[in-house]
Amino acid sequence: MATINYFYTKSVLEKAANDPTLFKKELDKGLENLFPFEVLQLVAWLKTYTIDKPELKKVLKEIQTVL
């Protein structure tokens, strides 16, 4: 079950999607504030969200190497 922080992080990431640098910064902040099970949910959501956004897929690949 996701918490408010998970939904807030998703909302912020959707708003920051037009700038990959800002997206990465907000993603890093979000990952610090989420529980481990929420991080897994967020990564799953990011995989589907970035399907048609190649500039954000680079950010996702960077994050996956850290996780």
PDB file of N, CA and C in Angstrom:
ATOM      1  N   MET A   1       0.845  -1.182   0.000  1.00  0.00           N
ATOM      2  CA  MET A   1       0.000   0.000   0.000  1.00  0.00           C
ATOM      3  C   MET A   1       0.886   1.240   0.000  1.00  0.00           C
ATOM      4  N   ALA A   2       0.657   2.112  -0.926  1.00  0.00           N
ATOM      5  CA  ALA A   2       1.462   3.320  -1.061  1.00  0.00           C
ATOM      6  C   ALA A   2       0.984   4.403  -0.093  1.00  0.00           C
ATOM      7  N   THR A   3       1.906   5.271   0.249  1.00  0.00           N
ATOM      8  CA  THR A   3       1.576   6.366   1.148  1.00  0.00           C
ATOM      9  C   THR A   3       1.468   7.671   0.382  1.00  0.00           C
ATOM     10  N   ILE A   4       1.173   8.712   1.108  1.00  0.00           N
ATOM     11  CA  ILE A   4       1.049  10.043   0.514  1.00  0.00           C
ATOM     12  C   ILE A   4       2.368  10.457  -0.152  1.00  0.00           C
ATOM     13  N   ASN A   5       3.497  10.101   0.448  1.00  0.00           N
ATOM     14  CA  ASN A   5       4.793  10.471  -0.133  1.00  0.00           C
ATOM     15  C   ASN A   5       4.982   9.880  -1.523  1.00  0.00           C
ATOM     16  N   TYR A   6       4.517   8.664  -1.721  1.00  0.00           N
ATOM     17  CA  TYR A   6       4.625   8.019  -3.029  1.00  0.00           C
ATOM     18  C   TYR A   6       3.826   8.805  -4.078  1.00  0.00           C
ATOM     19  N   PHE A   7       2.597   9.119  -3.758  1.00  0.00           N
ATOM     20  CA  PHE A   7       1.753   9.852  -4.707  1.00  0.00           C
ATOM     21  C   PHE A   7       2.271  11.271  -4.931  1.00  0.00           C
ATOM     22  N   TYR A   8       2.792  11.880  -3.885  1.00  0.00           N
ATOM     23  CA  TYR A   8       3.370  13.215  -4.030  1.00  0.00           C
ATOM     24  C   TYR A   8       4.593  13.166  -4.949  1.00  0.00           C
ATOM     25  N   THR A   9       5.443  12.174  -4.768  1.00  0.00           N
ATOM     26  CA  THR A   9       6.641  12.029  -5.603  1.00  0.00           C
ATOM     27  C   THR A   9       6.246  11.827  -7.070  1.00  0.00           C
ATOM     28  N   LYS A  10       5.257  10.987  -7.315  1.00  0.00           N
ATOM     29  CA  LYS A  10       4.782  10.783  -8.684  1.00  0.00           C
ATOM     30  C   LYS A  10       4.282  12.089  -9.285  1.00  0.00           C
ATOM     31  N   SER A  11       3.543  12.847  -8.512  1.00  0.00           N
ATOM     32  CA  SER A  11       2.998  14.122  -8.992  1.00  0.00           C
ATOM     33  C   SER A  11       4.112  15.106  -9.342  1.00  0.00           C
ATOM     34  N   VAL A  12       5.103  15.195  -8.493  1.00  0.00           N
ATOM     35  CA  VAL A  12       6.230  16.095  -8.740  1.00  0.00           C
ATOM     36  C   VAL A  12       6.998  15.654  -9.989  1.00  0.00           C
ATOM     37  N   LEU A  13       7.206  14.359 -10.129  1.00  0.00           N
ATOM     38  CA  LEU A  13       7.940  13.849 -11.287  1.00  0.00           C
ATOM     39  C   LEU A  13       7.184  14.109 -12.587  1.00  0.00           C
ATOM     40  N   GLU A  14       5.885  13.988 -12.555  1.00  0.00           N
ATOM     41  CA  GLU A  14       5.093  14.272 -13.755  1.00  0.00           C
ATOM     42  C   GLU A  14       5.227  15.739 -14.156  1.00  0.00           C
ATOM     43  N   LYS A  15       5.285  16.614 -13.158  1.00  0.00           N
ATOM     44  CA  LYS A  15       5.418  18.046 -13.443  1.00  0.00           C
ATOM     45  C   LYS A  15       6.827  18.408 -13.911  1.00  0.00           C
ATOM     46  N   ALA A  16       7.817  17.642 -13.481  1.00  0.00           N
ATOM     47  CA  ALA A  16       9.207  17.929 -13.829  1.00  0.00           C
ATOM     48  C   ALA A  16       9.665  17.179 -15.076  1.00  0.00           C
ATOM     49  N   ALA A  17       8.778  16.481 -15.735  1.00  0.00           N
ATOM     50  CA  ALA A  17       9.149  15.608 -16.849  1.00  0.00           C
ATOM     51  C   ALA A  17       9.678  16.359 -18.064  1.00  0.00           C
ATOM     52  N   ASN A  18       9.440  17.651 -18.162  1.00  0.00           N
ATOM     53  CA  ASN A  18       9.911  18.394 -19.337  1.00  0.00           C
ATOM     54  C   ASN A  18      11.379  18.795 -19.241  1.00  0.00           C
ATOM     55  N   ASP A  19      11.991  18.597 -18.087  1.00  0.00           N
ATOM     56  CA  ASP A  19      13.401  18.941 -17.885  1.00  0.00           C
ATOM     57  C   ASP A  19      14.119  17.761 -17.222  1.00  0.00           C
ATOM     58  N   PRO A  20      14.931  17.028 -17.977  1.00  0.00           N
ATOM     59  CA  PRO A  20      15.591  15.836 -17.411  1.00  0.00           C
ATOM     60  C   PRO A  20      16.451  16.118 -16.182  1.00  0.00           C
ATOM     61  N   THR A  21      17.099  17.273 -16.141  1.00  0.00           N
ATOM     62  CA  THR A  21      17.928  17.609 -14.984  1.00  0.00           C
ATOM     63  C   THR A  21      17.070  17.773 -13.735  1.00  0.00           C
ATOM     64  N   LEU A  22      15.981  18.509 -13.862  1.00  0.00           N
ATOM     65  CA  LEU A  22      15.067  18.699 -12.743  1.00  0.00           C
ATOM     66  C   LEU A  22      14.403  17.376 -12.367  1.00  0.00           C
ATOM     67  N   PHE A  23      14.070  16.581 -13.362  1.00  0.00           N
ATOM     68  CA  PHE A  23      13.464  15.273 -13.119  1.00  0.00           C
ATOM     69  C   PHE A  23      14.381  14.410 -12.265  1.00  0.00           C
ATOM     70  N   LYS A  24      15.664  14.367 -12.601  1.00  0.00           N
ATOM     71  CA  LYS A  24      16.620  13.569 -11.834  1.00  0.00           C
ATOM     72  C   LYS A  24      16.754  14.088 -10.413  1.00  0.00           C
ATOM     73  N   LYS A  25      16.805  15.399 -10.271  1.00  0.00           N
ATOM     74  CA  LYS A  25      16.924  16.001  -8.943  1.00  0.00           C
ATOM     75  C   LYS A  25      15.706  15.642  -8.078  1.00  0.00           C
ATOM     76  N   GLU A  26      14.526  15.761  -8.653  1.00  0.00           N
ATOM     77  CA  GLU A  26      13.310  15.445  -7.905  1.00  0.00           C
ATOM     78  C   GLU A  26      13.206  13.943  -7.628  1.00  0.00           C
ATOM     79  N   LEU A  27      13.668  13.131  -8.563  1.00  0.00           N
ATOM     80  CA  LEU A  27      13.664  11.685  -8.355  1.00  0.00           C
ATOM     81  C   LEU A  27      14.599  11.314  -7.209  1.00  0.00           C
ATOM     82  N   ASP A  28      15.766  11.915  -7.174  1.00  0.00           N
ATOM     83  CA  ASP A  28      16.705  11.648  -6.080  1.00  0.00           C
ATOM     84  C   ASP A  28      16.085  12.015  -4.729  1.00  0.00           C
ATOM     85  N   LYS A  29      15.434  13.173  -4.677  1.00  0.00           N
ATOM     86  CA  LYS A  29      14.790  13.593  -3.426  1.00  0.00           C
ATOM     87  C   LYS A  29      13.672  12.632  -3.047  1.00  0.00           C
ATOM     88  N   GLY A  30      12.904  12.218  -4.034  1.00  0.00           N
ATOM     89  CA  GLY A  30      11.808  11.302  -3.757  1.00  0.00           C
ATOM     90  C   GLY A  30      12.283   9.964  -3.248  1.00  0.00           C
ATOM     91  N   LEU A  31      13.357   9.451  -3.835  1.00  0.00           N
ATOM     92  CA  LEU A  31      13.883   8.157  -3.413  1.00  0.00           C
ATOM     93  C   LEU A  31      14.382   8.183  -1.972  1.00  0.00           C
ATOM     94  N   GLU A  32      14.856   9.329  -1.533  1.00  0.00           N
ATOM     95  CA  GLU A  32      15.325   9.458  -0.144  1.00  0.00           C
ATOM     96  C   GLU A  32      14.171   9.383   0.847  1.00  0.00           C
ATOM     97  N   ASN A  33      12.977   9.795   0.415  1.00  0.00           N
ATOM     98  CA  ASN A  33      11.847   9.902   1.337  1.00  0.00           C
ATOM     99  C   ASN A  33      10.876   8.737   1.285  1.00  0.00           C
ATOM    100  N   LEU A  34      11.113   7.779   0.406  1.00  0.00           N
ATOM    101  CA  LEU A  34      10.180   6.672   0.261  1.00  0.00           C
ATOM    102  C   LEU A  34      10.672   5.428   0.996  1.00  0.00           C
ATOM    103  N   PHE A  35       9.710   4.617   1.387  1.00  0.00           N
ATOM    104  CA  PHE A  35      10.026   3.315   1.970  1.00  0.00           C
ATOM    105  C   PHE A  35      10.529   2.397   0.855  1.00  0.00           C
ATOM    106  N   PRO A  36      11.279   1.352   1.193  1.00  0.00           N
ATOM    107  CA  PRO A  36      11.818   0.458   0.158  1.00  0.00           C
ATOM    108  C   PRO A  36      10.752  -0.132  -0.775  1.00  0.00           C
ATOM    109  N   PHE A  37       9.595  -0.526  -0.241  1.00  0.00           N
ATOM    110  CA  PHE A  37       8.567  -1.094  -1.110  1.00  0.00           C
ATOM    111  C   PHE A  37       7.985  -0.032  -2.041  1.00  0.00           C
ATOM    112  N   GLU A  38       7.986   1.225  -1.602  1.00  0.00           N
ATOM    113  CA  GLU A  38       7.502   2.309  -2.458  1.00  0.00           C
ATOM    114  C   GLU A  38       8.502   2.615  -3.569  1.00  0.00           C
ATOM    115  N   VAL A  39       9.785   2.454  -3.273  1.00  0.00           N
ATOM    116  CA  VAL A  39      10.807   2.649  -4.300  1.00  0.00           C
ATOM    117  C   VAL A  39      10.590   1.646  -5.427  1.00  0.00           C
ATOM    118  N   LEU A  40      10.291   0.407  -5.072  1.00  0.00           N
ATOM    119  CA  LEU A  40      10.026  -0.614  -6.085  1.00  0.00           C
ATOM    120  C   LEU A  40       8.798  -0.261  -6.913  1.00  0.00           C
ATOM    121  N   GLN A  41       7.767   0.242  -6.265  1.00  0.00           N
ATOM    122  CA  GLN A  41       6.562   0.668  -6.986  1.00  0.00           C
ATOM    123  C   GLN A  41       6.872   1.842  -7.906  1.00  0.00           C
ATOM    124  N   LEU A  42       7.676   2.767  -7.421  1.00  0.00           N
ATOM    125  CA  LEU A  42       8.020   3.947  -8.222  1.00  0.00           C
ATOM    126  C   LEU A  42       8.844   3.546  -9.444  1.00  0.00           C
ATOM    127  N   VAL A  43       9.773   2.641  -9.275  1.00  0.00           N
ATOM    128  CA  VAL A  43      10.577   2.178 -10.409  1.00  0.00           C
ATOM    129  C   VAL A  43       9.686   1.498 -11.445  1.00  0.00           C
ATOM    130  N   ALA A  44       8.730   0.698 -10.991  1.00  0.00           N
ATOM    131  CA  ALA A  44       7.797   0.054 -11.925  1.00  0.00           C
ATOM    132  C   ALA A  44       6.975   1.109 -12.664  1.00  0.00           C
ATOM    133  N   TRP A  45       6.509   2.118 -11.958  1.00  0.00           N
ATOM    134  CA  TRP A  45       5.749   3.194 -12.583  1.00  0.00           C
ATOM    135  C   TRP A  45       6.623   3.959 -13.576  1.00  0.00           C
ATOM    136  N   LEU A  46       7.869   4.215 -13.206  1.00  0.00           N
ATOM    137  CA  LEU A  46       8.782   4.949 -14.087  1.00  0.00           C
ATOM    138  C   LEU A  46       9.034   4.204 -15.386  1.00  0.00           C
ATOM    139  N   LYS A  47       9.109   2.894 -15.322  1.00  0.00           N
ATOM    140  CA  LYS A  47       9.334   2.108 -16.539  1.00  0.00           C
ATOM    141  C   LYS A  47       8.202   2.306 -17.539  1.00  0.00           C
ATOM    142  N   THR A  48       6.983   2.372 -17.047  1.00  0.00           N
ATOM    143  CA  THR A  48       5.858   2.595 -17.960  1.00  0.00           C
ATOM    144  C   THR A  48       5.738   4.064 -18.350  1.00  0.00           C
ATOM    145  N   TYR A  49       6.028   4.957 -17.419  1.00  0.00           N
ATOM    146  CA  TYR A  49       5.896   6.396 -17.684  1.00  0.00           C
ATOM    147  C   TYR A  49       6.918   6.888 -18.707  1.00  0.00           C
ATOM    148  N   THR A  50       8.093   6.291 -18.718  1.00  0.00           N
ATOM    149  CA  THR A  50       9.161   6.777 -19.597  1.00  0.00           C
ATOM    150  C   THR A  50       9.218   6.052 -20.943  1.00  0.00           C
ATOM    151  N   ILE A  51       8.243   5.226 -21.238  1.00  0.00           N
ATOM    152  CA  ILE A  51       8.251   4.481 -22.502  1.00  0.00           C
ATOM    153  C   ILE A  51       8.376   5.422 -23.705  1.00  0.00           C
ATOM    154  N   ASP A  52       7.629   6.492 -23.714  1.00  0.00           N
ATOM    155  CA  ASP A  52       7.657   7.420 -24.851  1.00  0.00           C
ATOM    156  C   ASP A  52       8.462   8.687 -24.565  1.00  0.00           C
ATOM    157  N   LYS A  53       9.326   8.626 -23.566  1.00  0.00           N
ATOM    158  CA  LYS A  53      10.146   9.780 -23.183  1.00  0.00           C
ATOM    159  C   LYS A  53      11.616   9.356 -23.117  1.00  0.00           C
ATOM    160  N   PRO A  54      12.279   9.277 -24.273  1.00  0.00           N
ATOM    161  CA  PRO A  54      13.664   8.772 -24.290  1.00  0.00           C
ATOM    162  C   PRO A  54      14.632   9.599 -23.455  1.00  0.00           C
ATOM    163  N   GLU A  55      14.383  10.897 -23.321  1.00  0.00           N
ATOM    164  CA  GLU A  55      15.287  11.734 -22.525  1.00  0.00           C
ATOM    165  C   GLU A  55      15.210  11.372 -21.039  1.00  0.00           C
ATOM    166  N   LEU A  56      14.074  10.844 -20.603  1.00  0.00           N
ATOM    167  CA  LEU A  56      13.935  10.444 -19.205  1.00  0.00           C
ATOM    168  C   LEU A  56      14.401   9.010 -18.977  1.00  0.00           C
ATOM    169  N   LYS A  57      14.437   8.209 -20.028  1.00  0.00           N
ATOM    170  CA  LYS A  57      14.930   6.841 -19.890  1.00  0.00           C
ATOM    171  C   LYS A  57      16.387   6.832 -19.459  1.00  0.00           C
ATOM    172  N   LYS A  58      17.151   7.835 -19.899  1.00  0.00           N
ATOM    173  CA  LYS A  58      18.551   7.940 -19.482  1.00  0.00           C
ATOM    174  C   LYS A  58      18.640   8.109 -17.973  1.00  0.00           C
ATOM    175  N   VAL A  59      17.768   8.932 -17.431  1.00  0.00           N
ATOM    176  CA  VAL A  59      17.737   9.151 -15.980  1.00  0.00           C
ATOM    177  C   VAL A  59      17.365   7.859 -15.277  1.00  0.00           C
ATOM    178  N   LEU A  60      16.398   7.146 -15.813  1.00  0.00           N
ATOM    179  CA  LEU A  60      15.982   5.888 -15.205  1.00  0.00           C
ATOM    180  C   LEU A  60      17.116   4.880 -15.206  1.00  0.00           C
ATOM    181  N   LYS A  61      17.886   4.824 -16.282  1.00  0.00           N
ATOM    182  CA  LYS A  61      19.019   3.902 -16.333  1.00  0.00           C
ATOM    183  C   LYS A  61      20.059   4.259 -15.286  1.00  0.00           C
ATOM    184  N   GLU A  62      20.305   5.559 -15.071  1.00  0.00           N
ATOM    185  CA  GLU A  62      21.248   5.983 -14.035  1.00  0.00           C
ATOM    186  C   GLU A  62      20.782   5.547 -12.663  1.00  0.00           C
ATOM    187  N   ILE A  63      19.513   5.692 -12.400  1.00  0.00           N
ATOM    188  CA  ILE A  63      18.966   5.344 -11.101  1.00  0.00           C
ATOM    189  C   ILE A  63      19.015   3.835 -10.885  1.00  0.00           C
ATOM    190  N   GLN A  64      18.736   3.063 -11.918  1.00  0.00           N
ATOM    191  CA  GLN A  64      18.735   1.607 -11.781  1.00  0.00           C
ATOM    192  C   GLN A  64      20.113   1.064 -11.456  1.00  0.00           C
ATOM    193  N   THR A  65      21.158   1.733 -11.902  1.00  0.00           N
ATOM    194  CA  THR A  65      22.511   1.258 -11.561  1.00  0.00           C
ATOM    195  C   THR A  65      22.793   1.479 -10.077  1.00  0.00           C
ATOM    196  N   VAL A  66      22.175   2.485  -9.491  1.00  0.00           N
ATOM    197  CA  VAL A  66      22.360   2.775  -8.059  1.00  0.00           C
ATOM    198  C   VAL A  66      21.540   1.820  -7.209  1.00  0.00           C
ATOM    199  N   LEU A  67      20.341   1.485  -7.677  1.00  0.00           N
ATOM    200  CA  LEU A  67      19.467   0.597  -6.911  1.00  0.00           C
ATOM    201  C   LEU A  67      20.021  -0.776  -7.015  1.00  0.00           C
TER     202      LEU A  67
END
